[in-house]
Amino acid sequence: MGQNNDLSIELVRLVTAGSVDDGKSTLIGRLLYDCDAVFEDQLKAAQEASQRRGRGQLDLSLLTDGLEAEREQGITIDVAYRYFSRPRRRFIIADVPGHEQYTRNMITGASQANIALILVDARKGMTTQSKRHLFVASLFNIPHILVIINKMDLVGYRRDVYEKIKNDFMRFAAKLNLRDLRFMPLSALKGDMVVKRGNNLDWYQGPTLLAYLEETEISLDRNLIDFRLPIQYVIRPSQDFRGYAGQIASGIVKVGDEVRILPSGQASKIKEIWKGDKEVNFAFAPQSVLVVLEDELDVSRGEVIVRKENLPIIGNEFEAMVAWFSSQPLNPKKSYLIKHCAKIVRADLGHLRYRLNIDTLHREEADQLMFNEIGRIKIRTNLPLIFDVFHKNKDTGSFIIIDELTNQTVGAGIIVSKGRNIDALVGSHSGAADFSGNEGAVLWF
């Protein structure tokens, strides 16, 4: 097995999605197998399982279907993460279940993905689930989306079949805000256009899947302007040292930068930056770091370090697109918990503005969200949060919803607009002046 474990190589996060039996697991298995990225024990286990099933050859899907229940049923029922590396890049693949009831798992995989691979069976074309996956990829602002028309071997590698499916997707995608949408025909089972081109798709002039993954530019997708460091841990091994650890959500930080701690508004400067056991002069998203400030401040988990002149939104009202995961419908009269970054607050989800019809993308009036439905909700929390809108920052612009009684995750949301009570912690004109250095004022729009 050839793997490059150099952590300095660029990391690319992928999410795969598709309807049941579209061949996601087979495709990932083919990619790993042809890249020599399968451990010997995994290969042996898959070969033995293939023989027990009476397969004449290696079932590539078994290289990724890790749960025993998946292997028994021949389907994927949980998000399976797989890692492999090439000389130029490292990859983490989230293989998402195809069943409609597992759409929530796609949202889990989509939240941090650089590239979405949406698979379609060439015999079936675009389905309602395909539309749902494309919409979720759009909603979660995945920068690069590749629609893969798989099983081309079962339709004789016909170009007209590929073109029809491509055109159907293009018509639907015209209603969405997609930055980079591309299409590719292949056969995961036979290996055509996965790692090697093969001889059956000569009419397709695009790259192979592996070439696409290695060459798609992702560095420009990161927000390196708005520095946000949510504090996850306060490190104090002795009275002489106090550091703040977390993963940089966006932006760049350098030693000497003037920063503020929110929500308190305390000001300081960056004295030291540590990556592991190495002191560095700067760091950037999405690196995990420990920073030391010039001043001894009372800072705790859940607070956020930002640049002094580049502040996020502070408030306890916002509007969000919410995907509902629970079999119990959203109850407008019930209080839920919201986990945002490292902070948990109570929230009122009582104002559902509309529900979205996934097939038509039309807005529909509704008083509740059912399982797997998506809608726009005005949310009010009992304590102010420090956030950005999602298109600006995925980490500070997203959250999960928790049922306080069962402690189950029942939904996930992305913040699409701020409420009217922004800078709620400022509280007064004098407080606003403290934050900006200017005389405070309020403008209502």
Protein backbone atom coordinates (compact mmCIF):
# COMPACT_ATOMS: atom_id res chain seq x y z
CA MET A 1 0.00 0.00 0.00
CA GLY A 2 1.48 3.32 -1.09
CA GLN A 3 0.62 6.20 1.22
CA ASN A 4 2.21 9.59 1.75
CA ASN A 5 1.77 10.65 5.38
CA ASP A 6 3.41 14.06 5.07
CA LEU A 7 0.94 16.30 6.95
CA SER A 8 2.23 19.39 5.16
CA ILE A 9 0.55 18.21 1.94
CA GLU A 10 -2.77 19.89 1.19
CA LEU A 11 -5.82 18.14 2.66
CA VAL A 12 -8.99 17.85 0.55
CA ARG A 13 -12.30 16.81 2.10
CA LEU A 14 -14.77 15.00 -0.16
CA VAL A 15 -18.38 13.98 0.38
CA THR A 16 -20.05 11.39 -1.84
CA ALA A 17 -23.81 11.18 -2.17
CA GLY A 18 -26.38 9.48 -4.35
CA SER A 19 -29.51 7.35 -4.28
CA VAL A 20 -29.48 3.75 -3.11
CA ASP A 21 -27.35 1.44 -5.29
CA ASP A 22 -25.91 4.25 -7.42
CA GLY A 23 -22.49 2.76 -6.72
CA LYS A 24 -20.87 5.16 -4.25
CA SER A 25 -19.12 2.49 -2.22
CA THR A 26 -17.99 0.69 -5.37
CA LEU A 27 -16.60 3.93 -6.76
CA ILE A 28 -14.65 4.71 -3.60
CA GLY A 29 -13.44 1.12 -3.43
CA ARG A 30 -12.27 1.35 -7.05
CA LEU A 31 -10.51 4.65 -6.38
CA LEU A 32 -8.71 3.27 -3.33
CA TYR A 33 -7.87 -0.04 -5.01
CA ASP A 34 -6.48 1.50 -8.20
CA CYS A 35 -4.48 4.04 -6.15
CA ASP A 36 -2.94 1.21 -4.10
CA ALA A 37 -4.48 2.74 -0.98
CA VAL A 38 -6.01 -0.38 0.61
CA PHE A 39 -4.44 -2.06 3.63
CA GLU A 40 -3.68 -5.75 3.22
CA ASP A 41 -6.01 -6.81 6.04
CA GLN A 42 -8.87 -4.78 4.54
CA LEU A 43 -8.28 -6.34 1.14
CA LYS A 44 -8.19 -9.83 2.62
CA ALA A 45 -11.43 -9.25 4.56
CA ALA A 46 -13.17 -7.93 1.43
CA GLN A 47 -11.96 -10.90 -0.62
CA GLU A 48 -13.25 -13.36 1.97
CA ALA A 49 -16.61 -11.56 2.17
CA SER A 50 -16.86 -11.60 -1.63
CA GLN A 51 -16.28 -15.36 -1.66
CA ARG A 52 -18.96 -15.93 1.00
CA ARG A 53 -21.41 -14.08 -1.21
CA GLY A 54 -20.50 -16.21 -4.18
CA ARG A 55 -18.98 -13.35 -6.15
CA GLY A 56 -16.60 -14.39 -8.88
CA GLN A 57 -14.37 -11.39 -8.27
CA LEU A 58 -13.55 -8.85 -5.57
CA ASP A 59 -16.59 -6.78 -4.54
CA LEU A 60 -15.00 -3.32 -4.36
CA SER A 61 -17.87 -1.88 -2.31
CA LEU A 62 -16.80 -4.05 0.63
CA LEU A 63 -13.60 -2.04 0.92
CA THR A 64 -15.65 0.86 2.30
CA ASP A 65 -18.76 -0.70 3.85
CA GLY A 66 -17.32 -1.12 7.32
CA LEU A 67 -20.34 -1.96 9.47
CA GLU A 68 -21.38 -5.61 9.66
CA ALA A 69 -25.01 -4.68 9.00
CA GLU A 70 -23.93 -2.91 5.83
CA ARG A 71 -22.11 -5.96 4.55
CA GLU A 72 -25.07 -8.21 5.29
CA GLN A 73 -27.52 -5.95 3.43
CA GLY A 74 -25.14 -4.71 0.76
CA ILE A 75 -25.90 -1.08 1.57
CA THR A 76 -24.22 1.74 3.47
CA ILE A 77 -26.12 2.85 6.59
CA ASP A 78 -23.62 5.16 8.27
CA VAL A 79 -21.17 7.82 7.15
CA ALA A 80 -17.95 5.94 6.40
CA TYR A 81 -14.79 8.05 6.39
CA ARG A 82 -11.84 6.89 4.32
CA TYR A 83 -8.38 8.37 4.03
CA PHE A 84 -5.85 8.10 1.23
CA SER A 85 -3.02 10.20 -0.06
CA ARG A 86 -1.18 10.98 -3.25
CA PRO A 87 2.12 12.81 -3.80
CA ARG A 88 0.29 16.13 -4.23
CA ARG A 89 -2.67 15.83 -1.87
CA ARG A 90 -4.22 13.99 1.05
CA PHE A 91 -7.92 13.09 0.90
CA ILE A 92 -10.64 12.36 3.44
CA ILE A 93 -13.75 10.84 1.83
CA ALA A 94 -17.14 10.84 3.56
CA ASP A 95 -19.23 8.05 2.01
CA VAL A 96 -22.83 9.05 2.75
CA PRO A 97 -25.79 6.60 2.80
CA GLY A 98 -28.11 6.78 -0.19
CA HIS A 99 -31.37 6.17 1.63
CA GLU A 100 -33.62 9.19 2.01
CA GLN A 101 -33.84 8.68 5.78
CA TYR A 102 -30.09 9.24 5.99
CA THR A 103 -30.05 12.68 4.35
CA ARG A 104 -28.93 14.02 7.73
CA ASN A 105 -25.73 12.03 7.28
CA MET A 106 -25.02 13.89 4.05
CA ILE A 107 -25.37 17.16 5.92
CA THR A 108 -22.78 15.87 8.39
CA GLY A 109 -20.39 15.12 5.55
CA ALA A 110 -21.22 18.29 3.61
CA SER A 111 -20.56 20.74 6.42
CA GLN A 112 -16.79 20.84 5.87
CA ALA A 113 -16.42 19.41 2.35
CA ASN A 114 -14.33 21.04 -0.36
CA ILE A 115 -15.77 18.85 -3.12
CA ALA A 116 -19.09 17.00 -3.45
CA LEU A 117 -19.34 13.93 -5.67
CA ILE A 118 -23.01 13.30 -6.50
CA LEU A 119 -23.55 9.93 -8.14
CA VAL A 120 -26.34 9.08 -10.56
CA ASP A 121 -27.23 5.70 -12.04
CA ALA A 122 -27.08 6.15 -15.82
CA ARG A 123 -30.15 3.91 -16.16
CA LYS A 124 -32.30 5.99 -13.79
CA GLY A 125 -31.14 9.56 -14.36
CA MET A 126 -31.93 12.39 -11.96
CA THR A 127 -34.18 11.45 -9.04
CA THR A 128 -35.80 13.36 -6.18
CA GLN A 129 -32.93 12.23 -3.98
CA SER A 130 -30.47 13.56 -6.57
CA LYS A 131 -32.19 16.94 -6.37
CA ARG A 132 -32.05 16.82 -2.58
CA HIS A 133 -28.33 16.08 -2.62
CA LEU A 134 -27.61 18.86 -5.11
CA PHE A 135 -29.66 21.30 -3.05
CA VAL A 136 -27.91 20.32 0.19
CA ALA A 137 -24.54 20.78 -1.54
CA SER A 138 -25.70 24.24 -2.64
CA LEU A 139 -27.18 25.10 0.76
CA PHE A 140 -23.95 24.19 2.54
CA ASN A 141 -21.94 26.17 0.03
CA ILE A 142 -19.69 23.33 -1.13
CA PRO A 143 -17.37 25.13 -3.55
CA HIS A 144 -16.96 22.36 -6.13
CA ILE A 145 -19.63 19.86 -7.21
CA LEU A 146 -19.04 16.98 -9.60
CA VAL A 147 -22.07 15.05 -10.85
CA ILE A 148 -20.90 11.56 -11.76
CA ILE A 149 -23.05 9.56 -14.17
CA ASN A 150 -22.07 6.06 -13.07
CA LYS A 151 -22.78 2.60 -14.53
CA MET A 152 -22.18 3.80 -18.07
CA ASP A 153 -21.27 0.19 -18.92
CA LEU A 154 -24.92 -0.78 -18.37
CA VAL A 155 -26.13 1.67 -21.04
CA GLY A 156 -23.48 0.80 -23.59
CA TYR A 157 -21.40 3.91 -22.79
CA ARG A 158 -23.89 5.94 -24.86
CA ARG A 159 -23.15 9.63 -25.08
CA ASP A 160 -26.83 10.60 -25.57
CA VAL A 161 -27.72 9.05 -22.18
CA TYR A 162 -24.99 11.09 -20.51
CA GLU A 163 -26.03 14.31 -22.27
CA LYS A 164 -29.71 13.93 -21.31
CA ILE A 165 -28.90 13.44 -17.63
CA LYS A 166 -26.46 16.34 -17.75
CA ASN A 167 -29.11 18.63 -19.28
CA ASP A 168 -31.69 17.59 -16.66
CA PHE A 169 -29.27 18.54 -13.90
CA MET A 170 -28.36 21.81 -15.59
CA ARG A 171 -32.01 22.88 -15.71
CA PHE A 172 -32.48 22.15 -12.01
CA ALA A 173 -29.12 23.67 -11.06
CA ALA A 174 -30.07 26.94 -12.77
CA LYS A 175 -32.30 27.62 -9.74
CA LEU A 176 -29.40 27.17 -7.32
CA ASN A 177 -26.39 29.26 -6.43
CA LEU A 178 -23.58 26.94 -7.53
CA ARG A 179 -20.03 28.17 -8.01
CA ASP A 180 -18.47 25.24 -9.86
CA LEU A 181 -20.65 22.44 -11.29
CA ARG A 182 -19.15 19.79 -13.56
CA PHE A 183 -20.16 16.42 -15.00
CA MET A 184 -18.34 13.15 -15.66
CA PRO A 185 -19.34 9.74 -17.11
CA LEU A 186 -17.66 6.64 -15.72
CA SER A 187 -18.01 3.00 -14.74
CA ALA A 188 -16.90 2.34 -11.18
CA LEU A 189 -17.27 -1.41 -11.67
CA LYS A 190 -15.13 -1.57 -14.81
CA GLY A 191 -12.81 1.27 -13.80
CA ASP A 192 -13.40 3.51 -16.84
CA MET A 193 -12.52 7.18 -16.08
CA VAL A 194 -11.79 6.56 -12.38
CA VAL A 195 -8.00 6.37 -12.26
CA LYS A 196 -7.41 5.24 -15.83
CA ARG A 197 -9.31 6.49 -18.87
CA GLY A 198 -10.05 3.10 -20.40
CA ASN A 199 -11.18 2.69 -24.02
CA ASN A 200 -14.96 3.00 -23.76
CA LEU A 201 -15.48 6.74 -23.23
CA ASP A 202 -13.30 8.24 -25.95
CA TRP A 203 -16.00 10.83 -26.71
CA TYR A 204 -15.50 12.39 -23.24
CA GLN A 205 -12.57 14.81 -23.28
CA GLY A 206 -12.52 15.73 -19.59
CA PRO A 207 -10.11 14.47 -16.90
CA THR A 208 -10.38 11.21 -15.00
CA LEU A 209 -11.87 11.34 -11.52
CA LEU A 210 -8.44 11.10 -9.89
CA ALA A 211 -7.07 13.89 -12.08
CA TYR A 212 -10.08 16.07 -11.20
CA LEU A 213 -9.51 15.49 -7.48
CA GLU A 214 -5.81 16.24 -7.74
CA GLU A 215 -6.15 19.34 -9.91
CA THR A 216 -9.24 21.19 -8.63
CA GLU A 217 -8.02 24.36 -6.90
CA ILE A 218 -9.35 24.66 -3.35
CA SER A 219 -6.90 27.07 -1.69
CA LEU A 220 -8.83 30.11 -2.93
CA ASP A 221 -12.05 28.82 -1.33
CA ARG A 222 -10.88 29.58 2.20
CA ASN A 223 -11.76 32.81 3.99
CA LEU A 224 -8.35 34.14 4.98
CA ILE A 225 -9.60 37.66 5.77
CA ASP A 226 -11.91 37.41 8.78
CA PHE A 227 -9.88 35.97 11.67
CA ARG A 228 -12.01 33.91 14.07
CA LEU A 229 -10.62 31.61 16.78
CA PRO A 230 -13.34 30.01 18.95
CA ILE A 231 -11.70 29.01 22.22
CA GLN A 232 -12.13 25.31 22.96
CA TYR A 233 -9.66 24.94 25.82
CA VAL A 234 -7.86 27.19 28.28
CA ILE A 235 -4.42 25.70 28.90
CA ARG A 236 -2.86 26.60 32.24
CA PRO A 237 -0.27 24.04 33.38
CA SER A 238 1.22 26.54 35.86
CA GLN A 239 0.68 30.03 37.25
CA ASP A 240 3.21 31.37 34.74
CA PHE A 241 1.48 30.19 31.56
CA ARG A 242 -1.99 30.76 30.14
CA GLY A 243 -2.81 29.75 26.57
CA TYR A 244 -6.00 29.47 24.52
CA ALA A 245 -6.43 26.51 22.18
CA GLY A 246 -8.80 25.98 19.27
CA GLN A 247 -9.13 25.53 15.54
CA ILE A 248 -8.97 28.70 13.47
CA ALA A 249 -12.36 29.00 11.77
CA SER A 250 -11.21 31.57 9.23
CA GLY A 251 -8.54 34.17 8.57
CA ILE A 252 -4.86 34.53 9.43
CA VAL A 253 -3.27 35.48 12.75
CA LYS A 254 0.27 36.75 13.32
CA VAL A 255 2.37 37.49 16.38
CA GLY A 256 1.80 41.13 17.32
CA ASP A 257 -1.75 41.32 15.93
CA GLU A 258 -4.17 43.44 17.95
CA VAL A 259 -7.18 41.33 18.92
CA ARG A 260 -10.38 41.42 20.95
CA ILE A 261 -11.98 38.71 23.05
CA LEU A 262 -15.71 38.43 22.47
CA PRO A 263 -18.21 38.80 23.99
CA SER A 264 -16.36 40.76 26.71
CA GLY A 265 -14.66 43.10 24.23
CA GLN A 266 -11.32 42.94 26.09
CA ALA A 267 -8.35 43.99 23.95
CA SER A 268 -4.87 42.51 23.79
CA LYS A 269 -2.09 41.46 21.40
CA ILE A 270 -0.92 38.06 20.22
CA LYS A 271 2.29 37.24 22.08
CA GLU A 272 2.93 33.65 20.96
CA ILE A 273 1.44 31.13 18.53
CA TRP A 274 2.01 27.39 18.93
CA LYS A 275 1.26 24.56 16.48
CA GLY A 276 1.77 21.40 18.48
CA ASP A 277 5.16 21.75 20.17
CA LYS A 278 6.47 24.25 17.61
CA GLU A 279 6.31 28.02 18.05
CA VAL A 280 5.42 29.86 14.82
CA ASN A 281 5.04 33.47 13.71
CA PHE A 282 1.66 33.04 12.01
CA ALA A 283 -1.16 30.55 11.46
CA PHE A 284 -4.26 30.33 9.29
CA ALA A 285 -7.54 28.43 8.89
CA PRO A 286 -8.19 25.59 9.40
CA GLN A 287 -5.11 24.97 11.57
CA SER A 288 -5.41 24.06 15.25
CA VAL A 289 -3.29 26.33 17.42
CA LEU A 290 -2.58 27.58 20.90
CA VAL A 291 -2.17 31.33 21.32
CA VAL A 292 -0.74 33.33 24.22
CA LEU A 293 -1.83 36.94 24.78
CA GLU A 294 0.23 39.87 26.00
CA ASP A 295 -2.20 40.48 28.88
CA GLU A 296 -3.59 38.34 31.69
CA LEU A 297 -7.30 38.25 30.83
CA ASP A 298 -10.23 36.31 32.23
CA VAL A 299 -11.11 34.26 29.14
CA SER A 300 -13.03 30.97 29.05
CA ARG A 301 -14.21 28.25 26.68
CA GLY A 302 -16.82 29.44 24.18
CA GLU A 303 -15.39 32.94 23.75
CA VAL A 304 -13.90 34.00 20.41
CA ILE A 305 -10.65 35.80 19.56
CA VAL A 306 -10.98 38.16 16.58
CA ARG A 307 -9.07 41.01 15.00
CA LYS A 308 -9.61 44.33 16.72
CA GLU A 309 -11.06 46.03 13.63
CA ASN A 310 -12.80 43.01 12.06
CA LEU A 311 -15.69 42.00 14.28
CA PRO A 312 -18.32 39.29 13.78
CA ILE A 313 -22.01 39.73 14.55
CA ILE A 314 -23.10 39.63 18.19
CA GLY A 315 -26.76 39.03 18.91
CA ASN A 316 -29.44 36.58 19.96
CA GLU A 317 -31.69 36.79 16.89
CA PHE A 318 -30.98 35.47 13.42
CA GLU A 319 -32.62 33.63 10.54
CA ALA A 320 -31.41 30.20 9.48
CA MET A 321 -32.09 27.45 6.98
CA VAL A 322 -32.75 24.38 9.11
CA ALA A 323 -32.76 20.71 8.10
CA TRP A 324 -34.90 18.63 10.46
CA PHE A 325 -33.60 15.15 11.39
CA SER A 326 -36.05 13.90 13.99
CA SER A 327 -39.05 11.61 13.48
CA GLN A 328 -40.83 13.97 15.87
CA PRO A 329 -41.80 17.21 14.06
CA LEU A 330 -40.39 20.55 15.11
CA ASN A 331 -42.57 21.85 17.93
CA PRO A 332 -42.84 25.68 17.75
CA LYS A 333 -43.86 25.83 21.41
CA LYS A 334 -40.91 23.81 22.63
CA SER A 335 -37.53 25.15 23.71
CA TYR A 336 -34.49 23.49 22.15
CA LEU A 337 -30.75 23.72 22.69
CA ILE A 338 -28.41 25.11 20.05
CA LYS A 339 -24.74 24.14 19.98
CA HIS A 340 -22.79 26.85 18.16
CA CYS A 341 -19.00 26.55 18.07
CA ALA A 342 -18.11 25.65 21.67
CA LYS A 343 -21.21 27.26 23.22
CA ILE A 344 -24.63 25.77 24.07
CA VAL A 345 -27.67 28.04 24.56
CA ARG A 346 -31.44 27.65 24.74
CA ALA A 347 -33.38 28.69 21.66
CA ASP A 348 -36.92 29.50 20.55
CA LEU A 349 -37.67 28.09 17.06
CA GLY A 350 -41.26 29.29 17.03
CA HIS A 351 -41.25 31.40 13.86
CA LEU A 352 -41.12 29.17 10.77
CA ARG A 353 -41.11 31.53 7.80
CA TYR A 354 -41.50 28.82 5.14
CA ARG A 355 -40.80 25.23 4.20
CA LEU A 356 -38.88 24.50 1.01
CA ASN A 357 -40.22 22.05 -1.58
CA ILE A 358 -37.11 20.18 -2.72
CA ASP A 359 -38.62 19.11 -6.06
CA THR A 360 -39.67 22.59 -7.17
CA LEU A 361 -37.59 24.77 -4.81
CA HIS A 362 -40.79 26.71 -4.13
CA ARG A 363 -41.50 28.17 -0.69
CA GLU A 364 -44.53 26.71 1.09
CA GLU A 365 -46.40 27.92 4.15
CA ALA A 366 -46.02 25.58 7.11
CA ASP A 367 -46.33 25.59 10.89
CA GLN A 368 -43.87 22.76 11.50
CA LEU A 369 -41.01 20.84 9.90
CA MET A 370 -41.24 17.08 9.50
CA PHE A 371 -38.44 14.53 9.19
CA ASN A 372 -35.98 15.38 6.39
CA GLU A 373 -37.67 18.71 5.59
CA ILE A 374 -35.84 22.01 5.23
CA GLY A 375 -37.19 25.43 6.10
CA ARG A 376 -36.26 28.98 7.04
CA ILE A 377 -36.73 29.83 10.71
CA LYS A 378 -36.35 32.98 12.76
CA ILE A 379 -34.46 31.93 15.88
CA ARG A 380 -34.05 33.67 19.21
CA THR A 381 -31.57 32.45 21.84
CA ASN A 382 -31.57 33.16 25.57
CA LEU A 383 -27.94 34.32 25.40
CA PRO A 384 -26.20 36.24 22.62
CA LEU A 385 -24.00 34.34 20.18
CA ILE A 386 -20.95 35.47 18.24
CA PHE A 387 -21.55 34.52 14.62
CA ASP A 388 -21.17 35.27 10.92
CA VAL A 389 -23.52 34.43 8.09
CA PHE A 390 -22.70 30.99 6.70
CA HIS A 391 -21.49 32.04 3.25
CA LYS A 392 -18.81 34.10 4.99
CA ASN A 393 -17.75 31.54 7.60
CA LYS A 394 -18.94 27.92 7.76
CA ASP A 395 -17.84 27.36 11.36
CA THR A 396 -19.26 30.47 13.00
CA GLY A 397 -22.28 30.41 10.67
CA SER A 398 -23.58 26.93 11.46
CA PHE A 399 -25.07 25.10 14.44
CA ILE A 400 -26.87 21.94 15.51
CA ILE A 401 -30.19 21.68 17.34
CA ILE A 402 -30.52 19.38 20.36
CA ASP A 403 -33.63 18.10 22.11
CA GLU A 404 -33.09 19.04 25.74
CA LEU A 405 -35.06 16.07 27.08
CA THR A 406 -33.50 13.29 25.00
CA ASN A 407 -30.13 14.94 24.28
CA GLN A 408 -30.55 13.83 20.65
CA THR A 409 -29.45 15.97 17.70
CA VAL A 410 -32.72 16.80 15.92
CA GLY A 411 -31.59 19.34 13.34
CA ALA A 412 -28.81 21.38 11.80
CA GLY A 413 -28.86 24.93 10.55
CA ILE A 414 -26.91 27.58 8.72
CA ILE A 415 -27.27 31.27 9.48
CA VAL A 416 -28.44 33.21 6.43
CA SER A 417 -29.19 36.64 7.93
CA LYS A 418 -28.80 38.56 11.15
CA GLY A 419 -31.63 39.75 13.37
CA ARG A 420 -32.46 43.28 14.41
CA ASN A 421 -30.86 43.14 17.85
CA ILE A 422 -27.25 42.95 16.68
CA ASP A 423 -24.44 43.72 19.13
CA ALA A 424 -26.82 42.78 21.92
CA LEU A 425 -23.98 42.58 24.41
CA VAL A 426 -23.03 46.18 23.77
CA GLY A 427 -26.28 47.20 25.38
CA SER A 428 -25.89 50.96 25.11
CA HIS A 429 -24.39 53.76 23.08
CA SER A 430 -21.48 53.97 25.46
CA GLY A 431 -20.86 50.24 25.08
CA ALA A 432 -20.88 50.59 21.32
CA ALA A 433 -18.35 53.37 21.62
CA ASP A 434 -16.13 51.06 23.67
CA PHE A 435 -16.09 48.51 20.86
CA SER A 436 -15.38 50.82 17.93
CA GLY A 437 -13.54 53.69 19.51
CA ASN A 438 -16.17 56.07 18.09
CA GLU A 439 -19.35 57.56 19.48
CA GLY A 440 -22.11 54.94 19.48
CA ALA A 441 -25.21 55.10 17.32
CA VAL A 442 -27.89 52.72 16.03
CA LEU A 443 -29.22 52.48 12.46
CA TRP A 444 -32.41 50.48 11.72
CA PHE A 445 -33.06 49.15 8.22
